[in-house]
Amino acid sequence: TPDEEEEEEEEDVVQDVTHRGGSLSAGLAERVEFVEMMPREQHLERAALTDAFLDTLLVNAHTTAMDMTWAGVPVVTRPHVRFSSRVAASVLTAAACTHSLSRTRRDYVAT
């Protein structure tokens, strides 16, 4: 069933993150939570409970970066060469929230 497939995918993601990160991912599986879709206002309220949003490097968050910024959550990102890797930086720049915008790998990791 679709629900069983979704549960299996969620388990696969948690296992993958846990195994790839080695010692860095200790305890991560307990902190990853899959949640249901909800109306936009409730989504933004839930997003505001997040400490930070760590963006992916090669394909940045688009709408999610905007949602997190609107919710007041720091978006840690680093622009790269391609358009798809510069979107979150553009969102942060337009919103004057560049404090978590990293220009180097070292800054990205440190942030």
N, C-alpha and C. Protein backbone atom coordinates (compact mmCIF):
# COMPACT_ATOMS: atom_id res chain seq x y z
N THR A 1 0.83 -1.18 0.00
CA THR A 1 0.00 0.00 0.00
C THR A 1 0.88 1.25 0.00
N PRO A 2 0.34 2.37 -0.44
CA PRO A 2 1.12 3.62 -0.45
C PRO A 2 1.63 4.01 0.94
N ASP A 3 0.83 3.80 1.99
CA ASP A 3 1.27 4.15 3.34
C ASP A 3 2.46 3.31 3.77
N GLU A 4 2.44 2.02 3.45
CA GLU A 4 3.56 1.14 3.80
C GLU A 4 4.82 1.54 3.04
N GLU A 5 4.66 1.90 1.75
CA GLU A 5 5.80 2.35 0.95
C GLU A 5 6.40 3.62 1.53
N GLU A 6 5.55 4.55 1.96
CA GLU A 6 6.03 5.80 2.55
C GLU A 6 6.79 5.54 3.84
N GLU A 7 6.26 4.64 4.67
CA GLU A 7 6.95 4.29 5.92
C GLU A 7 8.32 3.67 5.63
N GLU A 8 8.40 2.80 4.62
CA GLU A 8 9.67 2.17 4.26
C GLU A 8 10.66 3.23 3.76
N GLU A 9 10.20 4.18 2.97
CA GLU A 9 11.07 5.24 2.49
C GLU A 9 11.61 6.07 3.65
N GLU A 10 10.75 6.40 4.61
CA GLU A 10 11.18 7.16 5.78
C GLU A 10 12.25 6.40 6.55
N GLU A 11 12.03 5.10 6.75
CA GLU A 11 13.02 4.28 7.45
C GLU A 11 14.34 4.25 6.70
N ASP A 12 14.28 4.14 5.37
CA ASP A 12 15.49 4.13 4.55
C ASP A 12 16.27 5.43 4.69
N VAL A 13 15.57 6.56 4.71
CA VAL A 13 16.24 7.86 4.84
C VAL A 13 16.94 7.95 6.18
N VAL A 14 16.26 7.58 7.24
CA VAL A 14 16.86 7.65 8.58
C VAL A 14 18.07 6.72 8.66
N GLN A 15 17.95 5.51 8.14
CA GLN A 15 19.08 4.57 8.17
C GLN A 15 20.25 5.11 7.36
N ASP A 16 19.96 5.68 6.20
CA ASP A 16 21.01 6.22 5.34
C ASP A 16 21.75 7.36 6.04
N VAL A 17 21.02 8.28 6.62
CA VAL A 17 21.63 9.42 7.31
C VAL A 17 22.46 8.93 8.49
N THR A 18 21.92 8.00 9.23
CA THR A 18 22.61 7.49 10.41
C THR A 18 23.91 6.78 10.03
N HIS A 19 23.88 5.97 8.99
CA HIS A 19 25.06 5.19 8.61
C HIS A 19 26.11 6.02 7.91
N ARG A 20 25.72 6.97 7.10
CA ARG A 20 26.68 7.80 6.37
C ARG A 20 27.48 8.72 7.27
N GLY A 21 26.82 9.26 8.27
CA GLY A 21 27.47 10.27 9.09
C GLY A 21 28.42 9.74 10.12
N GLY A 22 28.45 8.43 10.37
CA GLY A 22 29.33 7.87 11.38
C GLY A 22 29.12 8.53 12.72
N SER A 23 30.20 8.95 13.35
CA SER A 23 30.10 9.54 14.68
C SER A 23 29.37 10.88 14.66
N LEU A 24 29.38 11.57 13.51
CA LEU A 24 28.67 12.86 13.43
C LEU A 24 27.17 12.70 13.53
N SER A 25 26.68 11.52 13.13
CA SER A 25 25.23 11.33 13.12
C SER A 25 24.71 10.64 14.37
N ALA A 26 25.56 10.46 15.37
CA ALA A 26 25.11 9.81 16.61
C ALA A 26 23.90 10.56 17.17
N GLY A 27 22.82 9.86 17.34
CA GLY A 27 21.61 10.47 17.89
C GLY A 27 20.76 11.19 16.86
N LEU A 28 21.22 11.27 15.61
CA LEU A 28 20.46 12.00 14.60
C LEU A 28 19.13 11.34 14.30
N ALA A 29 19.10 10.03 14.24
CA ALA A 29 17.86 9.32 13.90
C ALA A 29 16.74 9.67 14.87
N GLU A 30 17.08 9.93 16.13
CA GLU A 30 16.06 10.29 17.10
C GLU A 30 15.56 11.72 16.91
N ARG A 31 16.33 12.53 16.18
CA ARG A 31 15.97 13.94 15.99
C ARG A 31 15.27 14.19 14.66
N VAL A 32 15.30 13.22 13.75
CA VAL A 32 14.64 13.38 12.45
C VAL A 32 13.18 12.98 12.62
N GLU A 33 12.31 13.85 12.19
CA GLU A 33 10.88 13.58 12.34
C GLU A 33 10.18 13.82 11.00
N PHE A 34 9.44 12.83 10.55
CA PHE A 34 8.65 12.97 9.34
C PHE A 34 7.25 13.39 9.76
N VAL A 35 6.74 14.41 9.12
CA VAL A 35 5.45 14.96 9.52
C VAL A 35 4.51 15.02 8.32
N GLU A 36 3.26 15.08 8.63
CA GLU A 36 2.22 15.15 7.60
C GLU A 36 2.12 16.56 7.04
N MET A 37 1.58 16.65 5.84
CA MET A 37 1.30 17.97 5.26
C MET A 37 0.21 18.63 6.08
N MET A 38 0.26 19.95 6.12
CA MET A 38 -0.76 20.70 6.83
C MET A 38 -0.95 22.05 6.15
N PRO A 39 -2.00 22.77 6.50
CA PRO A 39 -2.22 24.08 5.90
C PRO A 39 -1.02 25.00 6.13
N ARG A 40 -0.82 25.94 5.23
CA ARG A 40 0.37 26.80 5.22
C ARG A 40 0.65 27.48 6.56
N GLU A 41 -0.35 28.09 7.17
CA GLU A 41 -0.14 28.78 8.43
C GLU A 41 0.38 27.83 9.51
N GLN A 42 -0.20 26.65 9.58
CA GLN A 42 0.26 25.66 10.56
C GLN A 42 1.67 25.18 10.21
N HIS A 43 1.95 25.05 8.94
CA HIS A 43 3.29 24.65 8.48
C HIS A 43 4.32 25.67 8.95
N LEU A 44 4.04 26.95 8.79
CA LEU A 44 4.99 27.99 9.21
C LEU A 44 5.13 28.03 10.73
N GLU A 45 4.04 27.78 11.45
CA GLU A 45 4.12 27.72 12.92
C GLU A 45 5.02 26.56 13.35
N ARG A 46 4.86 25.42 12.69
CA ARG A 46 5.69 24.26 13.00
C ARG A 46 7.14 24.53 12.62
N ALA A 47 7.35 25.18 11.50
CA ALA A 47 8.71 25.49 11.05
C ALA A 47 9.44 26.37 12.06
N ALA A 48 8.71 27.26 12.71
CA ALA A 48 9.32 28.17 13.68
C ALA A 48 9.90 27.44 14.88
N LEU A 49 9.54 26.19 15.08
CA LEU A 49 10.07 25.39 16.19
C LEU A 49 11.45 24.82 15.88
N THR A 50 11.88 24.98 14.65
CA THR A 50 13.17 24.46 14.19
C THR A 50 14.30 25.39 14.62
N ASP A 51 15.43 24.81 15.02
CA ASP A 51 16.58 25.63 15.42
C ASP A 51 17.29 26.24 14.22
N ALA A 52 17.43 25.47 13.16
CA ALA A 52 18.11 25.94 11.95
C ALA A 52 17.75 25.02 10.80
N PHE A 53 17.88 25.53 9.59
CA PHE A 53 17.64 24.74 8.39
C PHE A 53 18.97 24.64 7.64
N LEU A 54 19.50 23.43 7.53
CA LEU A 54 20.75 23.19 6.82
C LEU A 54 20.43 22.85 5.37
N ASP A 55 20.80 23.75 4.48
CA ASP A 55 20.50 23.59 3.06
C ASP A 55 21.48 22.63 2.40
N THR A 56 21.05 21.99 1.34
CA THR A 56 21.94 21.15 0.55
C THR A 56 22.75 22.03 -0.38
N LEU A 57 23.92 21.57 -0.78
CA LEU A 57 24.82 22.43 -1.54
C LEU A 57 24.53 22.49 -3.03
N LEU A 58 24.32 21.38 -3.68
CA LEU A 58 24.22 21.42 -5.14
C LEU A 58 22.83 21.80 -5.64
N VAL A 59 21.81 21.43 -4.92
CA VAL A 59 20.44 21.82 -5.27
C VAL A 59 19.83 22.41 -4.00
N ASN A 60 19.76 23.74 -3.96
CA ASN A 60 19.26 24.43 -2.78
C ASN A 60 17.76 24.30 -2.62
N ALA A 61 17.34 24.59 -1.40
CA ALA A 61 15.92 24.70 -1.12
C ALA A 61 15.39 25.91 -1.89
N HIS A 62 14.19 25.81 -2.37
CA HIS A 62 13.57 26.94 -3.05
C HIS A 62 12.45 27.46 -2.15
N THR A 63 11.27 26.88 -2.27
CA THR A 63 10.14 27.30 -1.45
C THR A 63 10.42 27.07 0.03
N THR A 64 11.10 25.98 0.35
CA THR A 64 11.40 25.70 1.75
C THR A 64 12.29 26.77 2.35
N ALA A 65 13.25 27.27 1.58
CA ALA A 65 14.11 28.36 2.08
C ALA A 65 13.26 29.59 2.37
N MET A 66 12.30 29.87 1.54
CA MET A 66 11.41 31.01 1.78
C MET A 66 10.55 30.77 3.01
N ASP A 67 9.99 29.58 3.13
CA ASP A 67 9.17 29.26 4.30
C ASP A 67 9.96 29.40 5.59
N MET A 68 11.16 28.86 5.61
CA MET A 68 11.98 28.93 6.82
C MET A 68 12.34 30.38 7.15
N THR A 69 12.66 31.17 6.14
CA THR A 69 12.98 32.58 6.35
C THR A 69 11.77 33.32 6.92
N TRP A 70 10.59 33.08 6.34
CA TRP A 70 9.37 33.71 6.86
C TRP A 70 9.09 33.30 8.30
N ALA A 71 9.46 32.07 8.64
CA ALA A 71 9.22 31.57 9.99
C ALA A 71 10.29 32.04 10.98
N GLY A 72 11.31 32.73 10.48
CA GLY A 72 12.36 33.24 11.35
C GLY A 72 13.45 32.22 11.67
N VAL A 73 13.53 31.16 10.87
CA VAL A 73 14.52 30.12 11.09
C VAL A 73 15.76 30.42 10.25
N PRO A 74 16.95 30.41 10.86
CA PRO A 74 18.16 30.64 10.07
C PRO A 74 18.34 29.55 9.01
N VAL A 75 18.60 29.96 7.78
CA VAL A 75 18.86 29.03 6.69
C VAL A 75 20.35 29.07 6.41
N VAL A 76 21.03 27.98 6.72
CA VAL A 76 22.48 27.88 6.49
C VAL A 76 22.67 27.33 5.08
N THR A 77 23.28 28.14 4.23
CA THR A 77 23.45 27.74 2.84
C THR A 77 24.76 28.27 2.29
N ARG A 78 25.14 27.75 1.16
CA ARG A 78 26.34 28.21 0.46
C ARG A 78 26.07 28.15 -1.03
N PRO A 79 26.10 29.28 -1.72
CA PRO A 79 25.85 29.25 -3.16
C PRO A 79 26.99 28.56 -3.89
N HIS A 80 26.64 27.93 -4.99
CA HIS A 80 27.63 27.25 -5.83
C HIS A 80 27.52 27.84 -7.23
N VAL A 81 27.95 27.14 -8.24
CA VAL A 81 28.03 27.68 -9.59
C VAL A 81 26.67 27.73 -10.30
N ARG A 82 25.92 26.67 -10.23
CA ARG A 82 24.67 26.57 -10.99
C ARG A 82 23.52 27.32 -10.33
N PHE A 83 22.55 27.66 -11.16
CA PHE A 83 21.36 28.37 -10.66
C PHE A 83 20.72 27.64 -9.49
N SER A 84 20.56 26.32 -9.64
CA SER A 84 19.87 25.55 -8.60
C SER A 84 20.60 25.57 -7.27
N SER A 85 21.87 25.95 -7.28
CA SER A 85 22.63 26.02 -6.03
C SER A 85 22.78 27.45 -5.51
N ARG A 86 22.08 28.39 -6.13
CA ARG A 86 22.15 29.79 -5.69
C ARG A 86 20.81 30.34 -5.22
N VAL A 87 19.77 29.55 -5.29
CA VAL A 87 18.43 30.03 -4.98
C VAL A 87 18.29 30.46 -3.52
N ALA A 88 18.72 29.64 -2.59
CA ALA A 88 18.57 29.99 -1.18
C ALA A 88 19.36 31.25 -0.84
N ALA A 89 20.54 31.41 -1.43
CA ALA A 89 21.33 32.62 -1.20
C ALA A 89 20.57 33.85 -1.72
N SER A 90 19.90 33.70 -2.83
CA SER A 90 19.10 34.81 -3.38
C SER A 90 17.94 35.15 -2.44
N VAL A 91 17.29 34.12 -1.91
CA VAL A 91 16.19 34.34 -0.97
C VAL A 91 16.69 35.09 0.26
N LEU A 92 17.81 34.63 0.83
CA LEU A 92 18.36 35.27 2.03
C LEU A 92 18.80 36.70 1.75
N THR A 93 19.40 36.93 0.60
CA THR A 93 19.85 38.28 0.25
C THR A 93 18.65 39.21 0.10
N ALA A 94 17.61 38.75 -0.58
CA ALA A 94 16.42 39.57 -0.78
C ALA A 94 15.73 39.89 0.54
N ALA A 95 15.83 38.98 1.50
CA ALA A 95 15.20 39.18 2.81
C ALA A 95 16.13 39.86 3.81
N ALA A 96 17.32 40.24 3.36
CA ALA A 96 18.33 40.86 4.23
C ALA A 96 18.65 39.98 5.44
N CYS A 97 18.77 38.68 5.18
CA CYS A 97 19.10 37.70 6.23
C CYS A 97 20.37 36.95 5.85
N THR A 98 21.41 37.68 5.55
CA THR A 98 22.62 37.04 5.02
C THR A 98 23.58 36.54 6.11
N HIS A 99 23.21 36.64 7.38
CA HIS A 99 24.10 36.21 8.46
C HIS A 99 24.44 34.72 8.41
N SER A 100 23.60 33.89 7.80
CA SER A 100 23.89 32.46 7.72
C SER A 100 24.28 32.03 6.30
N LEU A 101 24.60 32.99 5.47
CA LEU A 101 25.04 32.74 4.10
C LEU A 101 26.55 32.54 4.10
N SER A 102 26.99 31.37 3.73
CA SER A 102 28.41 31.03 3.75
C SER A 102 29.01 31.18 2.36
N ARG A 103 30.21 31.71 2.31
CA ARG A 103 30.90 31.88 1.02
C ARG A 103 31.93 30.79 0.77
N THR A 104 32.37 30.11 1.83
CA THR A 104 33.37 29.04 1.68
C THR A 104 32.87 27.78 2.37
N ARG A 105 33.47 26.65 2.03
CA ARG A 105 33.11 25.39 2.69
C ARG A 105 33.37 25.48 4.19
N ARG A 106 34.48 26.08 4.56
CA ARG A 106 34.83 26.22 5.98
C ARG A 106 33.76 27.01 6.73
N ASP A 107 33.29 28.11 6.14
CA ASP A 107 32.24 28.90 6.78
C ASP A 107 30.94 28.11 6.89
N TYR A 108 30.63 27.34 5.85
CA TYR A 108 29.41 26.52 5.83
C TYR A 108 29.43 25.52 6.97
N VAL A 109 30.55 24.85 7.14
CA VAL A 109 30.68 23.85 8.19
C VAL A 109 30.67 24.52 9.57
N ALA A 110 31.33 25.66 9.69
CA ALA A 110 31.41 26.36 10.98
C ALA A 110 30.07 26.93 11.41
N THR A 111 29.25 27.34 10.45
CA THR A 111 27.96 27.94 10.77
C THR A 111 27.04 26.90 11.33
